[in-house]
Amino acid sequence: MSEWQVFLVEDIAAPGKNSLATGPFGSSISSKFFVEQGVPVIRGGNLSTEVGKRLNDEGLVFVSKDKAEEFSRSVVGAGDLIFTCWGTINQVGLIDSRASHPNYVISNKQMKLSVDRSKADPLFIYYLFSGPEKQQEILNNGIGAAVPGFNLGQLRRMAISLPKLEEQKAIASVLSNLDDKIDLLHRQNKTLETIAETLFRQWFVEEAQESWATGKLSDEFDFTMGQSPPGDSFNTEYIGIPMFQGNADFGFRFPKNRVFTTEPKRFAQPMDTLISVRAPVGAQNMANQECCIGRGIAAFRYRSNSNFYTYTYFKLRSLMTEIMKFNDEGTVFGSISKSDLETITSSIPTINFIERFENEAKPINDKIIRSCEQINSLEKLRDTLLPKLVSGEVRVSY
């Protein structure tokens, strides 16, 4: 560690007055200036606190090129880092080769850092600020009560410890290789899920048979409505059984273990389909282990054969338009009850037809499940290595 040097963030900023800058004044970049196409605007929803999610290109809004030129100091491109200064202040982003556009404008709630690449590697700096130590430092220094703030002056004065540039790049490469593998598996999973969904539509919509009866969900599926355990049974120390309360716990296919309970009330079993039944109604996941489900979730499995989890998952997905109509129910938050679920009807294929579908679609679905398990393992490895690598506790040859 003796060769690592301590800098302030302003010391590693690229030459030029706009290398550290905030976004435009709020009224200058309000929704009235948004257009169909142009230069994309990065807002809070396009950033994340999760390591590896450097930029979310979904839900972008745009301003015209002429308008973007007015905000030249707030334009970001390849290698630039973005920080949130109001709201979720520990969000960190990076413009890299994954980005769908060469340039962006940051909103009035973001800050940018262009790194002097003779001193620092942008990807290493991204991982440094995504690590638990800097994340906590930002949160600890937040200003304001109702809406946390983190300003440009604070960012400028943050101290960082850096190894030689070559070692920075080597460390970033180790972590980035893991993230690239994770990203590839995520993209493969989305493709596989689209294929499985297309197969379901072909088998049960396009080739639906008139002889199939019409019935209720309860004719095909057993389902359990969740019940929340007492609050004093909750913990984050992995004591008891994982507990999922609603869509906030959901991931791409499986929920994330955040909260555990020692007094579970209602259960879901591995491969059950999970549906959020409260605010918002209709988010969907699968259980990958026995778990407790709170009142925001219902768990479904095929009544006569629990191994038909692929059919169950995609059948419920096909009914999601009907299920999500209940988002408009209730006085404040949307919700769907057991009796509401029992009113939903659909055609009921024969068991032989479902078996044939399972034979074709289950290998695709199982590949998604295995990939999710691999993603989980890679994320744990990356999250274990990250703080050790960016602090110098574990060294990398270069």
Protein backbone atom coordinates (compact mmCIF):
# COMPACT_ATOMS: atom_id res chain seq x y z
CA MET A 1 0.00 0.00 0.00
CA SER A 2 2.98 2.35 0.41
CA GLU A 3 2.90 3.24 -3.29
CA TRP A 4 -0.80 4.15 -3.21
CA GLN A 5 -1.30 7.92 -3.12
CA VAL A 6 -4.11 9.96 -1.59
CA PHE A 7 -5.82 12.52 -3.82
CA LEU A 8 -8.87 14.70 -3.65
CA VAL A 9 -11.41 14.10 -6.41
CA GLU A 10 -10.67 17.55 -7.81
CA ASP A 11 -7.02 16.49 -8.18
CA ILE A 12 -7.92 13.73 -10.66
CA ALA A 13 -10.40 15.79 -12.70
CA ALA A 14 -9.46 16.37 -16.33
CA PRO A 15 -8.08 19.80 -17.26
CA GLY A 16 -10.82 22.29 -18.08
CA LYS A 17 -13.55 24.05 -16.12
CA ASN A 18 -16.31 21.61 -17.09
CA SER A 19 -14.67 18.39 -15.89
CA LEU A 20 -16.54 18.74 -12.59
CA ALA A 21 -19.98 20.22 -13.15
CA THR A 22 -23.62 20.06 -12.16
CA GLY A 23 -26.61 19.72 -14.44
CA PRO A 24 -28.58 22.68 -15.82
CA PHE A 25 -30.91 24.75 -13.66
CA GLY A 26 -34.19 22.86 -13.21
CA SER A 27 -36.50 25.08 -15.26
CA SER A 28 -34.00 25.05 -18.15
CA ILE A 29 -34.40 21.31 -18.66
CA SER A 30 -38.02 20.74 -17.63
CA SER A 31 -40.41 18.40 -19.42
CA LYS A 32 -41.67 21.16 -21.73
CA PHE A 33 -38.34 20.89 -23.61
CA PHE A 34 -38.54 17.12 -24.15
CA VAL A 35 -38.77 15.94 -27.76
CA GLU A 36 -39.20 12.59 -29.52
CA GLN A 37 -35.56 12.33 -30.65
CA GLY A 38 -32.36 14.17 -29.92
CA VAL A 39 -29.81 14.06 -27.12
CA PRO A 40 -30.87 11.81 -24.20
CA VAL A 41 -31.17 13.19 -20.68
CA ILE A 42 -29.89 11.17 -17.73
CA ARG A 43 -32.23 11.34 -14.75
CA GLY A 44 -32.30 9.53 -11.42
CA GLY A 45 -34.15 6.54 -12.86
CA ASN A 46 -31.32 5.96 -15.33
CA LEU A 47 -28.79 5.46 -12.53
CA SER A 48 -28.51 2.80 -9.85
CA THR A 49 -26.87 2.02 -6.54
CA GLU A 50 -26.20 -1.54 -7.74
CA VAL A 51 -22.66 -2.39 -8.76
CA GLY A 52 -22.35 -3.11 -12.47
CA LYS A 53 -25.47 -1.19 -13.48
CA ARG A 54 -23.49 1.69 -14.92
CA LEU A 55 -26.36 3.21 -16.90
CA ASN A 56 -29.97 2.23 -17.53
CA ASP A 57 -30.93 3.31 -21.04
CA GLU A 58 -34.60 2.48 -20.56
CA GLY A 59 -37.07 5.31 -20.14
CA LEU A 60 -34.78 8.01 -21.53
CA VAL A 61 -36.18 11.39 -22.47
CA PHE A 62 -34.60 13.69 -25.04
CA VAL A 63 -33.90 17.35 -25.74
CA SER A 64 -33.07 18.80 -29.14
CA LYS A 65 -29.45 19.12 -30.25
CA ASP A 66 -29.77 22.90 -30.13
CA LYS A 67 -31.03 22.72 -26.56
CA ALA A 68 -28.24 20.33 -25.60
CA GLU A 69 -25.67 22.81 -26.93
CA GLU A 70 -26.94 25.31 -24.37
CA PHE A 71 -25.92 22.80 -21.69
CA SER A 72 -22.42 22.08 -23.03
CA ARG A 73 -20.91 21.97 -19.54
CA SER A 74 -23.45 19.29 -18.57
CA VAL A 75 -22.85 16.98 -21.54
CA VAL A 76 -21.27 13.61 -20.72
CA GLY A 77 -19.60 11.09 -23.00
CA ALA A 78 -17.37 8.03 -22.93
CA GLY A 79 -15.49 7.67 -19.65
CA ASP A 80 -17.49 10.27 -17.74
CA LEU A 81 -18.92 9.47 -14.32
CA ILE A 82 -22.31 10.67 -13.09
CA PHE A 83 -23.36 11.20 -9.47
CA THR A 84 -26.78 11.99 -8.04
CA CYS A 85 -26.86 15.12 -5.92
CA TRP A 86 -30.50 15.05 -4.72
CA GLY A 87 -32.57 12.06 -3.69
CA THR A 88 -30.77 8.71 -3.90
CA ILE A 89 -27.41 10.36 -3.46
CA ASN A 90 -25.31 7.17 -3.55
CA GLN A 91 -26.16 6.45 -7.19
CA VAL A 92 -23.09 6.31 -9.45
CA GLY A 93 -23.06 5.94 -13.24
CA LEU A 94 -20.49 5.60 -16.00
CA ILE A 95 -20.74 6.16 -19.75
CA ASP A 96 -18.98 3.24 -21.44
CA SER A 97 -19.29 0.95 -24.46
CA ARG A 98 -22.60 -0.45 -23.18
CA ALA A 99 -24.29 2.94 -23.53
CA SER A 100 -26.70 3.22 -26.45
CA HIS A 101 -25.78 6.87 -27.22
CA PRO A 102 -22.40 8.60 -27.56
CA ASN A 103 -23.42 11.64 -25.52
CA TYR A 104 -25.99 12.53 -22.88
CA VAL A 105 -27.05 15.58 -20.89
CA ILE A 106 -27.29 15.20 -17.12
CA SER A 107 -30.38 16.55 -15.39
CA ASN A 108 -30.48 19.22 -12.71
CA LYS A 109 -30.16 16.51 -10.03
CA GLN A 110 -26.87 15.06 -11.28
CA MET A 111 -23.17 15.93 -11.30
CA LYS A 112 -20.46 14.83 -13.73
CA LEU A 113 -16.79 13.98 -13.35
CA SER A 114 -14.44 13.75 -16.32
CA VAL A 115 -11.28 12.00 -15.15
CA ASP A 116 -7.71 12.97 -16.07
CA ARG A 117 -6.73 9.66 -17.65
CA SER A 118 -3.03 10.24 -17.01
CA LYS A 119 -3.84 9.95 -13.29
CA ALA A 120 -6.88 7.73 -12.98
CA ASP A 121 -8.83 5.08 -14.84
CA PRO A 122 -12.55 5.98 -15.11
CA LEU A 123 -13.65 2.38 -14.62
CA PHE A 124 -11.55 2.02 -11.46
CA ILE A 125 -13.04 5.27 -10.11
CA TYR A 126 -16.52 3.92 -10.89
CA TYR A 127 -15.85 0.76 -8.87
CA LEU A 128 -14.23 2.75 -6.08
CA PHE A 129 -17.38 4.87 -5.65
CA SER A 130 -19.64 1.84 -6.09
CA GLY A 131 -17.88 0.03 -3.25
CA PRO A 132 -19.33 -0.05 0.28
CA GLU A 133 -16.81 2.37 1.81
CA LYS A 134 -17.47 5.28 -0.55
CA GLN A 135 -21.17 4.49 -0.73
CA GLN A 136 -21.41 4.81 3.05
CA GLU A 137 -19.24 7.95 3.08
CA ILE A 138 -21.61 9.65 0.65
CA LEU A 139 -24.67 8.64 2.69
CA ASN A 140 -23.04 9.75 5.95
CA ASN A 141 -22.32 13.19 4.51
CA GLY A 142 -25.75 13.76 2.99
CA ILE A 143 -27.25 17.16 3.71
CA GLY A 144 -30.91 17.95 4.20
CA ALA A 145 -33.61 15.98 5.95
CA ALA A 146 -36.63 15.33 3.73
CA VAL A 147 -34.60 15.03 0.51
CA PRO A 148 -30.93 14.05 1.00
CA GLY A 149 -28.36 16.14 -0.86
CA PHE A 150 -24.75 15.67 -1.93
CA ASN A 151 -23.20 18.68 -3.64
CA LEU A 152 -20.34 19.39 -6.02
CA GLY A 153 -18.22 20.92 -3.27
CA GLN A 154 -18.46 17.74 -1.23
CA LEU A 155 -17.57 15.60 -4.24
CA ARG A 156 -14.55 17.79 -5.03
CA ARG A 157 -13.16 17.39 -1.51
CA MET A 158 -13.61 13.63 -1.14
CA ALA A 159 -10.30 11.87 -0.51
CA ILE A 160 -9.44 8.78 -2.54
CA SER A 161 -6.46 6.44 -2.42
CA LEU A 162 -5.12 5.31 -5.79
CA PRO A 163 -2.46 2.83 -6.90
CA LYS A 164 -0.44 3.34 -10.06
CA LEU A 165 -2.50 3.73 -13.21
CA GLU A 166 -1.51 0.29 -14.49
CA GLU A 167 -2.76 -1.37 -11.31
CA GLN A 168 -5.98 0.64 -11.43
CA LYS A 169 -6.63 -0.74 -14.90
CA ALA A 170 -5.78 -4.28 -13.80
CA ILE A 171 -8.18 -4.07 -10.84
CA ALA A 172 -10.93 -2.60 -13.02
CA SER A 173 -10.37 -5.38 -15.56
CA VAL A 174 -10.89 -8.12 -12.96
CA LEU A 175 -14.16 -6.59 -11.77
CA SER A 176 -15.31 -5.66 -15.26
CA ASN A 177 -14.76 -9.20 -16.54
CA LEU A 178 -17.15 -10.45 -13.87
CA ASP A 179 -19.68 -7.74 -14.73
CA ASP A 180 -19.39 -8.53 -18.45
CA LYS A 181 -20.19 -12.18 -17.76
CA ILE A 182 -23.14 -11.16 -15.58
CA ASP A 183 -24.40 -8.79 -18.26
CA LEU A 184 -24.09 -11.48 -20.95
CA LEU A 185 -26.10 -13.94 -18.85
CA HIS A 186 -28.79 -11.31 -18.23
CA ARG A 187 -29.09 -10.63 -21.96
CA GLN A 188 -29.21 -14.35 -22.75
CA ASN A 189 -31.94 -14.80 -20.15
CA LYS A 190 -34.09 -12.08 -21.69
CA THR A 191 -33.74 -13.74 -25.10
CA LEU A 192 -34.60 -17.18 -23.68
CA GLU A 193 -37.59 -15.81 -21.82
CA THR A 194 -38.88 -14.21 -25.02
CA ILE A 195 -38.51 -17.58 -26.80
CA ALA A 196 -40.41 -19.41 -24.04
CA GLU A 197 -43.13 -16.76 -24.03
CA THR A 198 -43.47 -17.06 -27.81
CA LEU A 199 -43.79 -20.83 -27.50
CA PHE A 200 -46.53 -20.44 -24.91
CA ARG A 201 -48.45 -18.03 -27.15
CA GLN A 202 -48.09 -20.40 -30.10
CA TRP A 203 -49.28 -23.46 -28.14
CA PHE A 204 -52.06 -21.95 -26.05
CA VAL A 205 -53.26 -18.90 -27.99
CA GLU A 206 -52.62 -19.39 -31.69
CA GLU A 207 -53.24 -23.16 -31.55
CA ALA A 208 -55.89 -23.13 -28.83
CA GLN A 209 -58.51 -25.81 -29.31
CA GLU A 210 -62.23 -25.13 -29.23
CA SER A 211 -62.75 -28.30 -27.19
CA TRP A 212 -60.90 -26.83 -24.21
CA ALA A 213 -63.15 -25.88 -21.33
CA THR A 214 -63.28 -22.42 -19.80
CA GLY A 215 -62.58 -22.29 -16.09
CA LYS A 216 -61.22 -20.32 -13.18
CA LEU A 217 -57.65 -20.02 -11.93
CA SER A 218 -58.51 -22.31 -9.04
CA ASP A 219 -59.44 -25.06 -11.50
CA GLU A 220 -55.81 -25.29 -12.60
CA PHE A 221 -53.76 -23.84 -9.75
CA ASP A 222 -53.47 -23.97 -6.00
CA PHE A 223 -52.58 -20.53 -4.71
CA THR A 224 -51.65 -19.15 -1.32
CA MET A 225 -52.24 -15.55 -0.31
CA GLY A 226 -49.40 -14.21 1.80
CA GLN A 227 -49.64 -13.10 5.41
CA SER A 228 -47.06 -10.84 7.01
CA PRO A 229 -45.21 -12.03 10.13
CA PRO A 230 -44.89 -9.71 13.13
CA GLY A 231 -42.43 -6.90 12.51
CA ASP A 232 -40.24 -7.77 15.49
CA SER A 233 -39.43 -11.13 13.85
CA PHE A 234 -37.68 -9.44 10.92
CA ASN A 235 -33.89 -9.38 10.63
CA THR A 236 -31.14 -8.94 8.05
CA GLU A 237 -28.75 -11.41 9.73
CA TYR A 238 -30.03 -14.45 7.76
CA ILE A 239 -31.78 -15.83 10.86
CA GLY A 240 -34.85 -17.90 10.06
CA ILE A 241 -36.36 -18.03 6.58
CA PRO A 242 -36.26 -15.44 3.76
CA MET A 243 -39.39 -13.29 3.67
CA PHE A 244 -40.69 -11.47 0.59
CA GLN A 245 -43.25 -8.73 0.96
CA GLY A 246 -43.87 -7.50 -2.58
CA ASN A 247 -42.47 -6.39 -5.90
CA ALA A 248 -39.67 -4.39 -4.23
CA ASP A 249 -38.04 -7.75 -3.48
CA PHE A 250 -38.35 -9.05 -7.04
CA GLY A 251 -35.49 -9.48 -9.48
CA PHE A 252 -35.40 -10.64 -13.10
CA ARG A 253 -36.76 -14.10 -12.21
CA PHE A 254 -36.10 -14.67 -8.50
CA PRO A 255 -36.45 -12.34 -5.49
CA LYS A 256 -33.43 -10.97 -3.67
CA ASN A 257 -32.91 -12.07 -0.06
CA ARG A 258 -33.13 -8.85 1.96
CA VAL A 259 -35.21 -9.67 5.03
CA PHE A 260 -35.57 -12.86 7.09
CA THR A 261 -38.20 -13.82 9.65
CA THR A 262 -38.22 -16.24 12.57
CA GLU A 263 -42.04 -16.39 12.64
CA PRO A 264 -43.24 -17.21 9.10
CA LYS A 265 -46.99 -17.46 8.56
CA ARG A 266 -47.51 -18.43 4.90
CA PHE A 267 -45.07 -20.21 2.58
CA ALA A 268 -44.13 -20.57 -1.04
CA GLN A 269 -42.25 -23.62 -2.27
CA PRO A 270 -39.36 -23.78 -4.77
CA MET A 271 -40.52 -23.06 -8.34
CA ASP A 272 -43.86 -21.56 -7.24
CA THR A 273 -44.86 -18.54 -9.32
CA LEU A 274 -45.04 -15.38 -7.20
CA ILE A 275 -47.37 -12.50 -8.07
CA SER A 276 -47.47 -9.15 -6.27
CA VAL A 277 -51.04 -8.49 -5.15
CA ARG A 278 -50.61 -5.02 -3.67
CA ALA A 279 -49.29 -1.73 -5.04
CA PRO A 280 -48.50 -2.43 -7.79
CA VAL A 281 -50.47 -5.51 -8.69
CA GLY A 282 -48.95 -7.84 -11.26
CA ALA A 283 -45.18 -7.99 -10.83
CA GLN A 284 -44.05 -11.59 -11.31
CA ASN A 285 -41.23 -13.81 -10.05
CA MET A 286 -40.52 -17.40 -9.01
CA ALA A 287 -39.46 -18.80 -5.66
CA ASN A 288 -36.06 -20.49 -5.79
CA GLN A 289 -36.33 -21.82 -2.23
CA GLU A 290 -38.89 -22.30 0.49
CA CYS A 291 -39.75 -18.81 1.68
CA CYS A 292 -42.23 -16.81 3.68
CA ILE A 293 -44.61 -14.63 1.67
CA GLY A 294 -46.05 -11.45 3.15
CA ARG A 295 -49.46 -10.01 2.36
CA GLY A 296 -48.17 -8.35 -0.79
CA ILE A 297 -47.59 -11.69 -2.58
CA ALA A 298 -49.57 -14.72 -3.73
CA ALA A 299 -47.89 -18.03 -4.65
CA PHE A 300 -49.21 -20.35 -7.42
CA ARG A 301 -48.46 -23.93 -8.43
CA TYR A 302 -50.15 -26.28 -10.87
CA ARG A 303 -52.67 -28.29 -8.92
CA SER A 304 -52.14 -31.83 -10.23
CA ASN A 305 -48.37 -31.67 -10.91
CA SER A 306 -46.05 -29.19 -9.22
CA ASN A 307 -43.39 -29.98 -11.85
CA PHE A 308 -45.42 -28.02 -14.39
CA TYR A 309 -43.85 -24.78 -13.15
CA THR A 310 -42.96 -23.59 -16.67
CA TYR A 311 -46.60 -23.75 -17.78
CA THR A 312 -47.69 -22.10 -14.51
CA TYR A 313 -45.26 -19.22 -14.90
CA PHE A 314 -46.13 -18.39 -18.50
CA LYS A 315 -49.87 -19.03 -18.08
CA LEU A 316 -49.98 -16.42 -15.32
CA ARG A 317 -47.90 -14.08 -17.41
CA SER A 318 -50.43 -14.44 -20.23
CA LEU A 319 -53.19 -13.37 -17.80
CA MET A 320 -51.28 -10.35 -16.51
CA THR A 321 -53.42 -7.81 -18.35
CA GLU A 322 -56.45 -9.08 -16.45
CA ILE A 323 -54.57 -9.21 -13.16
CA MET A 324 -53.12 -5.71 -13.54
CA LYS A 325 -56.57 -4.17 -13.98
CA PHE A 326 -56.82 -4.38 -10.20
CA ASN A 327 -54.18 -1.67 -9.89
CA ASP A 328 -57.12 0.71 -10.24
CA GLU A 329 -58.95 -0.88 -7.33
CA GLY A 330 -58.79 0.21 -3.69
CA THR A 331 -58.93 3.60 -2.05
CA VAL A 332 -55.22 4.47 -2.15
CA PHE A 333 -53.22 1.49 -3.42
CA GLY A 334 -54.19 -1.10 -6.00
CA SER A 335 -54.80 -4.59 -4.65
CA ILE A 336 -56.24 -7.94 -5.70
CA SER A 337 -57.83 -10.40 -3.26
CA LYS A 338 -58.26 -14.15 -3.35
CA SER A 339 -61.88 -13.75 -4.42
CA ASP A 340 -60.77 -11.36 -7.17
CA LEU A 341 -58.26 -13.91 -8.45
CA GLU A 342 -60.98 -16.55 -8.47
CA THR A 343 -63.05 -14.43 -10.86
CA ILE A 344 -60.36 -14.55 -13.58
CA THR A 345 -61.20 -17.11 -16.24
CA SER A 346 -59.28 -18.70 -19.08
CA SER A 347 -59.31 -21.74 -21.32
CA ILE A 348 -58.01 -24.91 -19.68
CA PRO A 349 -55.86 -27.13 -21.92
CA THR A 350 -55.82 -30.89 -21.54
CA ILE A 351 -53.12 -32.39 -19.35
CA ASN A 352 -51.55 -34.15 -22.35
CA PHE A 353 -51.21 -30.84 -24.18
CA ILE A 354 -49.55 -29.24 -21.16
CA GLU A 355 -47.15 -32.18 -20.82
CA ARG A 356 -46.05 -31.77 -24.44
CA PHE A 357 -45.49 -28.05 -23.88
CA GLU A 358 -43.44 -28.77 -20.77
CA ASN A 359 -41.24 -31.19 -22.72
CA GLU A 360 -40.42 -28.43 -25.20
CA ALA A 361 -40.32 -25.31 -23.01
CA LYS A 362 -39.02 -26.60 -19.68
CA PRO A 363 -35.38 -27.01 -20.92
CA ILE A 364 -35.44 -23.35 -21.97
CA ASN A 365 -36.88 -22.28 -18.66
CA ASP A 366 -34.42 -24.44 -16.71
CA LYS A 367 -31.52 -22.83 -18.60
CA ILE A 368 -32.80 -19.42 -17.41
CA ILE A 369 -32.93 -20.76 -13.86
CA ARG A 370 -29.36 -22.10 -14.04
CA SER A 371 -28.15 -18.79 -15.47
CA CYS A 372 -29.82 -16.92 -12.61
CA GLU A 373 -27.97 -19.15 -10.15
CA GLN A 374 -24.70 -18.44 -11.96
CA ILE A 375 -25.42 -14.70 -11.93
CA ASN A 376 -26.00 -14.87 -8.20
CA SER A 377 -22.67 -16.65 -7.66
CA LEU A 378 -20.77 -14.18 -9.85
CA GLU A 379 -22.35 -11.21 -8.09
CA LYS A 380 -21.34 -12.59 -4.70
CA LEU A 381 -17.77 -13.09 -5.93
CA ARG A 382 -17.61 -9.58 -7.38
CA ASP A 383 -19.11 -7.99 -4.26
CA THR A 384 -16.60 -9.86 -2.08
CA LEU A 385 -13.62 -8.87 -4.21
CA LEU A 386 -14.58 -5.25 -4.88
CA PRO A 387 -13.84 -3.67 -1.47
CA LYS A 388 -10.69 -5.76 -1.09
CA LEU A 389 -9.34 -4.77 -4.51
CA VAL A 390 -10.11 -1.03 -4.41
CA SER A 391 -8.60 -0.72 -0.92
CA GLY A 392 -5.41 -2.63 -1.70
CA GLU A 393 -6.20 -5.46 0.73
CA VAL A 394 -5.96 -7.83 -2.24
CA ARG A 395 -3.43 -6.96 -4.93
CA VAL A 396 -3.51 -7.67 -8.67
CA SER A 397 -0.51 -8.41 -10.85
CA TYR A 398 -0.09 -6.03 -13.78
